[in-house]
N, C-alpha and C. Protein backbone atom coordinates (compact mmCIF):
# COMPACT_ATOMS: atom_id res chain seq x y z
N MET A 1 39.42 9.83 -13.88
CA MET A 1 38.01 9.51 -14.06
C MET A 1 37.84 9.30 -15.49
N SER A 2 36.96 8.36 -15.96
CA SER A 2 36.76 8.09 -17.36
C SER A 2 35.79 8.89 -17.96
N LEU A 3 35.72 8.98 -19.21
CA LEU A 3 34.86 10.08 -19.98
C LEU A 3 33.49 9.64 -19.57
N VAL A 4 33.17 8.39 -19.41
CA VAL A 4 31.46 7.92 -19.13
C VAL A 4 31.39 8.46 -17.68
N THR A 5 32.06 8.13 -16.79
CA THR A 5 31.79 8.47 -15.48
C THR A 5 31.81 9.85 -15.29
N ALA A 6 32.62 10.79 -16.07
CA ALA A 6 32.27 12.33 -16.03
C ALA A 6 31.17 12.68 -16.68
N PHE A 7 30.86 12.13 -17.53
CA PHE A 7 29.46 12.33 -18.24
C PHE A 7 28.13 12.09 -17.19
N LEU A 8 28.51 10.95 -16.47
CA LEU A 8 27.34 10.53 -15.90
C LEU A 8 26.94 11.29 -14.51
N ALA A 9 28.36 11.72 -14.02
CA ALA A 9 28.25 12.66 -12.53
C ALA A 9 27.93 14.16 -13.25
N GLY A 10 27.58 14.40 -14.26
CA GLY A 10 27.55 15.51 -14.69
C GLY A 10 28.42 16.79 -14.74
N SER A 11 29.62 16.41 -14.79
CA SER A 11 30.55 17.20 -14.82
C SER A 11 31.31 17.29 -16.03
N ALA A 12 32.15 18.33 -16.51
CA ALA A 12 32.86 18.52 -17.65
C ALA A 12 33.83 17.43 -18.02
N ALA A 13 33.79 16.90 -19.15
CA ALA A 13 34.89 15.76 -19.35
C ALA A 13 36.35 16.37 -19.35
N PRO A 14 37.38 15.66 -18.71
CA PRO A 14 38.61 16.27 -18.93
C PRO A 14 39.04 16.74 -20.19
N ALA A 15 40.13 17.65 -20.33
CA ALA A 15 40.26 17.79 -21.69
C ALA A 15 41.32 16.56 -22.24
N VAL A 16 42.08 16.27 -21.65
CA VAL A 16 43.07 15.25 -21.66
C VAL A 16 42.77 14.02 -21.02
N ALA A 17 42.48 13.02 -21.72
CA ALA A 17 42.15 11.63 -20.85
C ALA A 17 43.57 10.96 -20.60
N PRO A 18 43.46 10.41 -19.13
CA PRO A 18 44.91 9.96 -18.84
C PRO A 18 45.21 8.71 -19.47
N ARG A 19 46.17 8.39 -19.57
CA ARG A 19 46.62 7.01 -20.05
C ARG A 19 46.97 6.02 -19.29
N SER A 20 46.32 4.77 -19.70
CA SER A 20 46.39 3.81 -18.91
C SER A 20 47.19 2.47 -19.52
N ALA A 21 47.18 1.74 -18.59
CA ALA A 21 48.17 0.45 -19.00
C ALA A 21 47.50 -0.43 -20.14
N ARG A 22 46.04 -0.69 -20.03
CA ARG A 22 45.30 -1.11 -20.99
C ARG A 22 44.65 -0.34 -22.19
N PRO A 23 44.87 -0.68 -23.33
CA PRO A 23 44.23 0.23 -24.16
C PRO A 23 42.67 0.10 -24.40
N SER A 24 42.09 1.08 -24.50
CA SER A 24 40.52 0.99 -24.52
C SER A 24 40.04 0.24 -25.62
N VAL A 25 38.91 -0.32 -25.81
CA VAL A 25 38.48 -0.85 -26.73
C VAL A 25 36.97 -0.35 -27.04
N GLY A 26 36.77 0.11 -28.21
CA GLY A 26 35.44 0.80 -28.49
C GLY A 26 34.46 -0.11 -29.04
N PHE A 27 33.55 0.06 -29.78
CA PHE A 27 32.46 -0.97 -30.16
C PHE A 27 33.18 -1.96 -31.30
N PHE A 28 32.80 -3.13 -31.01
CA PHE A 28 33.12 -4.35 -32.12
C PHE A 28 34.72 -4.03 -32.09
N GLY A 29 35.61 -4.01 -31.04
CA GLY A 29 36.82 -4.04 -30.96
C GLY A 29 37.70 -2.92 -31.82
N VAL A 30 36.97 -1.94 -32.17
CA VAL A 30 37.37 -0.78 -33.16
C VAL A 30 37.75 0.61 -32.52
N GLY A 31 39.02 1.12 -32.63
CA GLY A 31 39.47 2.35 -32.21
C GLY A 31 39.54 2.33 -30.62
N GLY A 32 40.03 3.44 -30.19
CA GLY A 32 40.31 3.62 -28.94
C GLY A 32 39.49 4.52 -27.98
N GLY A 33 38.19 4.77 -28.64
CA GLY A 33 37.31 5.76 -28.03
C GLY A 33 36.51 5.09 -27.10
N CYS A 34 35.46 5.83 -26.58
CA CYS A 34 34.53 5.32 -25.56
C CYS A 34 33.21 5.76 -26.09
N ALA A 35 31.94 4.80 -26.50
CA ALA A 35 30.92 5.27 -26.54
C ALA A 35 29.80 4.97 -25.44
N LEU A 36 28.98 5.96 -25.38
CA LEU A 36 28.01 5.90 -24.23
C LEU A 36 26.85 5.31 -24.78
N SER A 37 26.42 4.40 -24.42
CA SER A 37 25.00 3.52 -25.14
C SER A 37 24.11 3.05 -23.94
N VAL A 38 22.88 3.53 -24.21
CA VAL A 38 22.08 3.12 -23.09
C VAL A 38 21.10 1.79 -23.73
N GLU A 39 21.11 0.76 -23.03
CA GLU A 39 20.41 -0.48 -23.32
C GLU A 39 19.10 -0.30 -22.77
N CYS A 40 17.84 -0.62 -23.72
CA CYS A 40 16.59 -0.77 -23.19
C CYS A 40 15.77 -1.90 -23.62
N SER A 41 15.12 -2.27 -22.83
CA SER A 41 14.46 -3.68 -22.99
C SER A 41 13.21 -3.25 -24.56
N SER A 42 13.14 -4.26 -25.27
CA SER A 42 12.23 -4.32 -26.35
C SER A 42 11.12 -4.30 -25.83
N ARG A 43 10.86 -5.03 -24.78
CA ARG A 43 9.41 -5.10 -24.10
C ARG A 43 9.54 -4.84 -22.95
N PRO A 44 9.22 -3.53 -22.41
CA PRO A 44 9.22 -3.39 -21.17
C PRO A 44 8.17 -3.85 -20.38
N GLN A 45 8.05 -3.96 -19.05
CA GLN A 45 6.85 -4.53 -18.55
C GLN A 45 6.31 -3.41 -17.53
N LYS A 46 4.90 -3.38 -17.52
CA LYS A 46 4.11 -2.52 -16.72
C LYS A 46 4.69 -2.78 -15.39
N LYS A 47 4.62 -1.64 -14.31
CA LYS A 47 4.91 -1.86 -12.91
C LYS A 47 3.89 -1.21 -12.13
N GLY A 48 3.36 -1.86 -11.21
CA GLY A 48 2.49 -1.63 -9.99
C GLY A 48 1.22 -1.17 -10.67
N THR A 49 0.95 -0.07 -10.14
CA THR A 49 -0.43 0.31 -10.94
C THR A 49 -0.99 0.60 -12.21
N LYS A 50 -0.08 0.78 -12.95
CA LYS A 50 -0.21 0.72 -14.34
C LYS A 50 -0.50 -0.59 -15.02
N HIS A 51 0.27 -1.68 -14.30
CA HIS A 51 -0.19 -2.95 -14.63
C HIS A 51 -1.58 -3.54 -14.49
N HIS A 52 -1.80 -3.15 -13.04
CA HIS A 52 -3.54 -3.74 -12.40
C HIS A 52 -4.38 -2.80 -13.34
N MET A 53 -4.01 -1.60 -13.51
CA MET A 53 -5.26 -0.93 -14.40
C MET A 53 -5.35 -1.47 -15.92
N LYS A 54 -4.32 -1.90 -16.31
CA LYS A 54 -4.48 -2.59 -17.67
C LYS A 54 -4.95 -4.12 -17.68
N THR A 55 -4.59 -4.46 -16.76
CA THR A 55 -5.01 -6.21 -16.51
C THR A 55 -6.31 -6.27 -15.75
N ARG A 56 -7.02 -5.33 -15.31
CA ARG A 56 -8.08 -5.66 -14.40
C ARG A 56 -9.18 -6.36 -15.17
N PRO A 57 -10.22 -6.84 -14.35
CA PRO A 57 -11.39 -7.52 -15.37
C PRO A 57 -12.30 -6.23 -15.81
N LYS A 58 -12.64 -6.25 -16.80
CA LYS A 58 -13.13 -5.46 -17.52
C LYS A 58 -14.65 -5.83 -17.88
N LYS A 59 -15.81 -5.09 -17.65
CA LYS A 59 -17.11 -5.46 -18.06
C LYS A 59 -17.47 -5.40 -19.57
N THR A 60 -17.67 -6.38 -20.11
CA THR A 60 -17.91 -6.48 -21.68
C THR A 60 -19.32 -6.75 -21.98
N GLN A 61 -20.20 -7.35 -21.10
CA GLN A 61 -21.44 -7.79 -21.29
C GLN A 61 -22.30 -6.60 -21.31
N ARG A 62 -23.49 -6.22 -21.96
CA ARG A 62 -24.40 -5.20 -21.75
C ARG A 62 -24.89 -5.37 -20.53
N TRP A 63 -25.30 -6.47 -20.01
CA TRP A 63 -26.35 -6.48 -18.73
C TRP A 63 -25.31 -6.24 -17.48
N ASP A 64 -24.22 -6.53 -17.98
CA ASP A 64 -23.18 -6.40 -16.68
C ASP A 64 -22.73 -4.96 -16.52
N ILE A 65 -22.53 -4.20 -17.64
CA ILE A 65 -22.30 -2.85 -17.77
C ILE A 65 -23.43 -2.26 -16.83
N LYS A 66 -24.59 -2.12 -17.29
CA LYS A 66 -25.58 -1.49 -16.74
C LYS A 66 -26.06 -1.61 -15.21
N ARG A 67 -25.27 -2.80 -14.72
CA ARG A 67 -25.68 -3.16 -13.36
C ARG A 67 -25.32 -2.37 -12.31
N ARG A 68 -26.03 -2.06 -11.46
CA ARG A 68 -25.42 -1.23 -10.41
C ARG A 68 -25.54 -1.56 -9.00
N PRO A 69 -24.85 -1.25 -7.92
CA PRO A 69 -24.77 -1.66 -6.66
C PRO A 69 -26.17 -2.07 -6.06
N VAL A 70 -26.22 -2.92 -5.15
CA VAL A 70 -27.35 -3.24 -4.63
C VAL A 70 -27.89 -2.28 -3.39
N GLN A 71 -29.14 -1.97 -3.70
CA GLN A 71 -29.39 -0.67 -2.58
C GLN A 71 -30.21 -1.50 -1.53
N TYR A 72 -29.27 -1.60 -0.13
CA TYR A 72 -30.23 -2.11 0.77
C TYR A 72 -31.07 -1.11 1.60
N GLU A 73 -32.03 -1.63 2.44
CA GLU A 73 -33.09 -0.74 3.00
C GLU A 73 -32.11 -0.52 4.31
N PRO A 74 -32.42 0.62 5.02
CA PRO A 74 -31.56 1.25 5.99
C PRO A 74 -32.01 0.60 7.39
N LEU A 75 -30.79 0.47 7.98
CA LEU A 75 -30.77 -0.44 9.42
C LEU A 75 -31.71 0.26 10.39
N PRO A 76 -32.41 -0.74 11.26
CA PRO A 76 -33.31 -0.11 12.28
C PRO A 76 -32.82 0.64 13.11
N ALA A 77 -33.40 1.41 13.90
CA ALA A 77 -32.80 2.34 15.01
C ALA A 77 -32.38 1.24 16.05
N LEU A 78 -31.44 2.05 16.92
CA LEU A 78 -30.72 1.16 18.00
C LEU A 78 -31.78 0.99 19.29
N PRO A 79 -31.87 0.05 19.80
CA PRO A 79 -32.71 -0.11 21.19
C PRO A 79 -32.31 1.04 22.12
N ASP A 80 -33.34 1.36 23.05
CA ASP A 80 -33.08 2.54 24.04
C ASP A 80 -32.22 2.15 24.93
N ASP A 81 -31.58 0.91 25.25
CA ASP A 81 -30.71 0.62 26.29
C ASP A 81 -29.53 0.59 25.73
N TRP A 82 -29.20 0.83 24.65
CA TRP A 82 -27.99 0.91 23.95
C TRP A 82 -27.15 2.33 23.73
N THR A 83 -26.03 2.35 23.80
CA THR A 83 -25.49 3.63 23.73
C THR A 83 -24.48 3.70 22.70
N LEU A 84 -24.38 4.44 21.67
CA LEU A 84 -23.51 4.57 20.76
C LEU A 84 -22.33 5.50 21.31
N VAL A 85 -20.96 4.85 21.12
CA VAL A 85 -19.50 5.48 21.61
C VAL A 85 -19.02 5.53 20.69
N ALA A 86 -18.28 6.82 20.34
CA ALA A 86 -17.37 7.28 19.11
C ALA A 86 -16.17 6.55 19.51
N ALA A 87 -15.36 5.90 18.54
CA ALA A 87 -14.00 5.51 18.57
C ALA A 87 -13.29 6.31 19.34
N GLY A 88 -12.34 5.94 20.21
CA GLY A 88 -11.36 6.57 20.96
C GLY A 88 -12.13 7.28 22.18
N ALA A 89 -13.55 7.56 22.42
CA ALA A 89 -14.03 8.32 23.46
C ALA A 89 -14.16 7.22 24.62
N LYS A 90 -14.05 7.79 25.80
CA LYS A 90 -14.13 6.98 27.01
C LYS A 90 -15.38 7.03 27.38
N GLU A 91 -15.94 5.92 28.02
CA GLU A 91 -17.44 5.79 28.61
C GLU A 91 -17.65 6.79 29.49
N ASP A 92 -16.84 7.53 30.32
CA ASP A 92 -17.24 8.44 31.23
C ASP A 92 -17.45 9.98 30.49
N GLU A 93 -16.88 9.86 29.55
CA GLU A 93 -17.15 11.34 28.73
C GLU A 93 -18.46 11.19 27.81
N VAL A 94 -19.02 10.18 27.75
CA VAL A 94 -20.37 10.32 26.99
C VAL A 94 -21.49 10.81 28.02
N PRO A 95 -22.22 11.92 27.32
CA PRO A 95 -23.20 12.65 28.03
C PRO A 95 -24.57 11.71 28.31
N GLN A 96 -24.80 11.48 29.06
CA GLN A 96 -26.19 10.62 29.54
C GLN A 96 -27.45 11.67 29.97
N ASP A 97 -28.37 11.24 29.70
CA ASP A 97 -29.84 12.06 29.86
C ASP A 97 -30.37 11.56 31.19
N GLU A 98 -30.88 12.47 31.92
CA GLU A 98 -31.37 11.93 33.11
C GLU A 98 -32.49 11.07 33.08
N GLU A 99 -32.96 10.87 31.67
CA GLU A 99 -34.16 9.79 31.66
C GLU A 99 -33.46 8.52 31.41
N THR A 100 -32.57 8.54 30.50
CA THR A 100 -31.80 7.06 30.45
C THR A 100 -30.86 6.76 31.70
N THR A 101 -30.94 5.54 32.05
CA THR A 101 -29.94 4.94 33.03
C THR A 101 -29.14 4.08 32.41
N PRO A 102 -27.96 3.64 32.84
CA PRO A 102 -27.25 2.54 32.29
C PRO A 102 -27.78 1.35 32.60
N ALA A 103 -27.61 0.36 31.68
CA ALA A 103 -28.07 -1.13 32.27
C ALA A 103 -27.31 -1.74 33.45
N ALA A 104 -28.25 -2.27 34.20
CA ALA A 104 -27.75 -2.80 35.53
C ALA A 104 -26.55 -3.70 35.20
N ALA A 105 -25.43 -3.45 36.15
CA ALA A 105 -24.34 -4.43 35.99
C ALA A 105 -24.59 -5.86 36.71
N VAL A 106 -23.94 -7.03 36.37
CA VAL A 106 -24.27 -8.08 36.92
C VAL A 106 -22.92 -8.70 37.74
N GLU A 107 -23.26 -8.72 38.62
CA GLU A 107 -22.42 -9.28 39.64
C GLU A 107 -21.86 -10.71 40.01
N VAL A 108 -20.80 -11.23 39.46
CA VAL A 108 -20.49 -12.73 39.54
C VAL A 108 -19.68 -12.88 40.85
N GLU A 109 -20.11 -14.13 41.66
CA GLU A 109 -19.57 -14.31 42.73
C GLU A 109 -18.72 -15.89 42.42
N VAL A 110 -17.49 -15.76 42.77
CA VAL A 110 -16.57 -17.08 42.76
C VAL A 110 -16.71 -17.95 43.83
N VAL A 111 -17.22 -19.31 43.72
CA VAL A 111 -17.33 -20.11 44.95
C VAL A 111 -16.57 -21.36 44.59
N ALA A 112 -16.12 -21.70 45.80
CA ALA A 112 -15.09 -23.06 45.52
C ALA A 112 -16.08 -24.16 45.51
N ALA A 113 -15.76 -24.94 44.58
CA ALA A 113 -16.25 -26.46 44.29
C ALA A 113 -16.25 -27.28 45.40
N PRO A 114 -17.62 -27.68 45.90
CA PRO A 114 -17.59 -28.67 46.99
C PRO A 114 -16.51 -29.79 46.92
N ALA A 115 -16.12 -30.50 48.01
CA ALA A 115 -15.27 -31.36 47.86
C ALA A 115 -15.85 -32.86 47.54
N ALA A 116 -15.38 -33.60 46.86
CA ALA A 116 -16.00 -34.98 46.49
C ALA A 116 -16.05 -35.83 47.75
N ALA A 117 -17.12 -36.71 48.12
CA ALA A 117 -17.04 -37.32 48.94
C ALA A 117 -16.56 -38.76 48.40
N ASP A 118 -15.71 -39.63 49.28
CA ASP A 118 -15.28 -40.76 48.92
C ASP A 118 -16.08 -41.93 49.27
């Protein structure tokens, strides 16, 4: 195990490094030691949310900074023959008052087209 591998693995470095067939080369070809160096980018890039927060469009105009969301008037009430059903609820589970009756179902009958006369 090399000194660098032992250091990165978190274990203690061996007391005597084993000899290898190749001589080890340090920085700039000098010496036989091994130096641990971390290379970092001189201009690291922002990632994910940090980038989006830095580059998002910002309000600079005074009229735009003071602008608020549009206030819409409330929606009108639902018609009497409509029933509001919660998502995931079945139609049978919806409680119905005795006064309200469900809308009449329309029955459709399928009839064959008449034969064309030649």
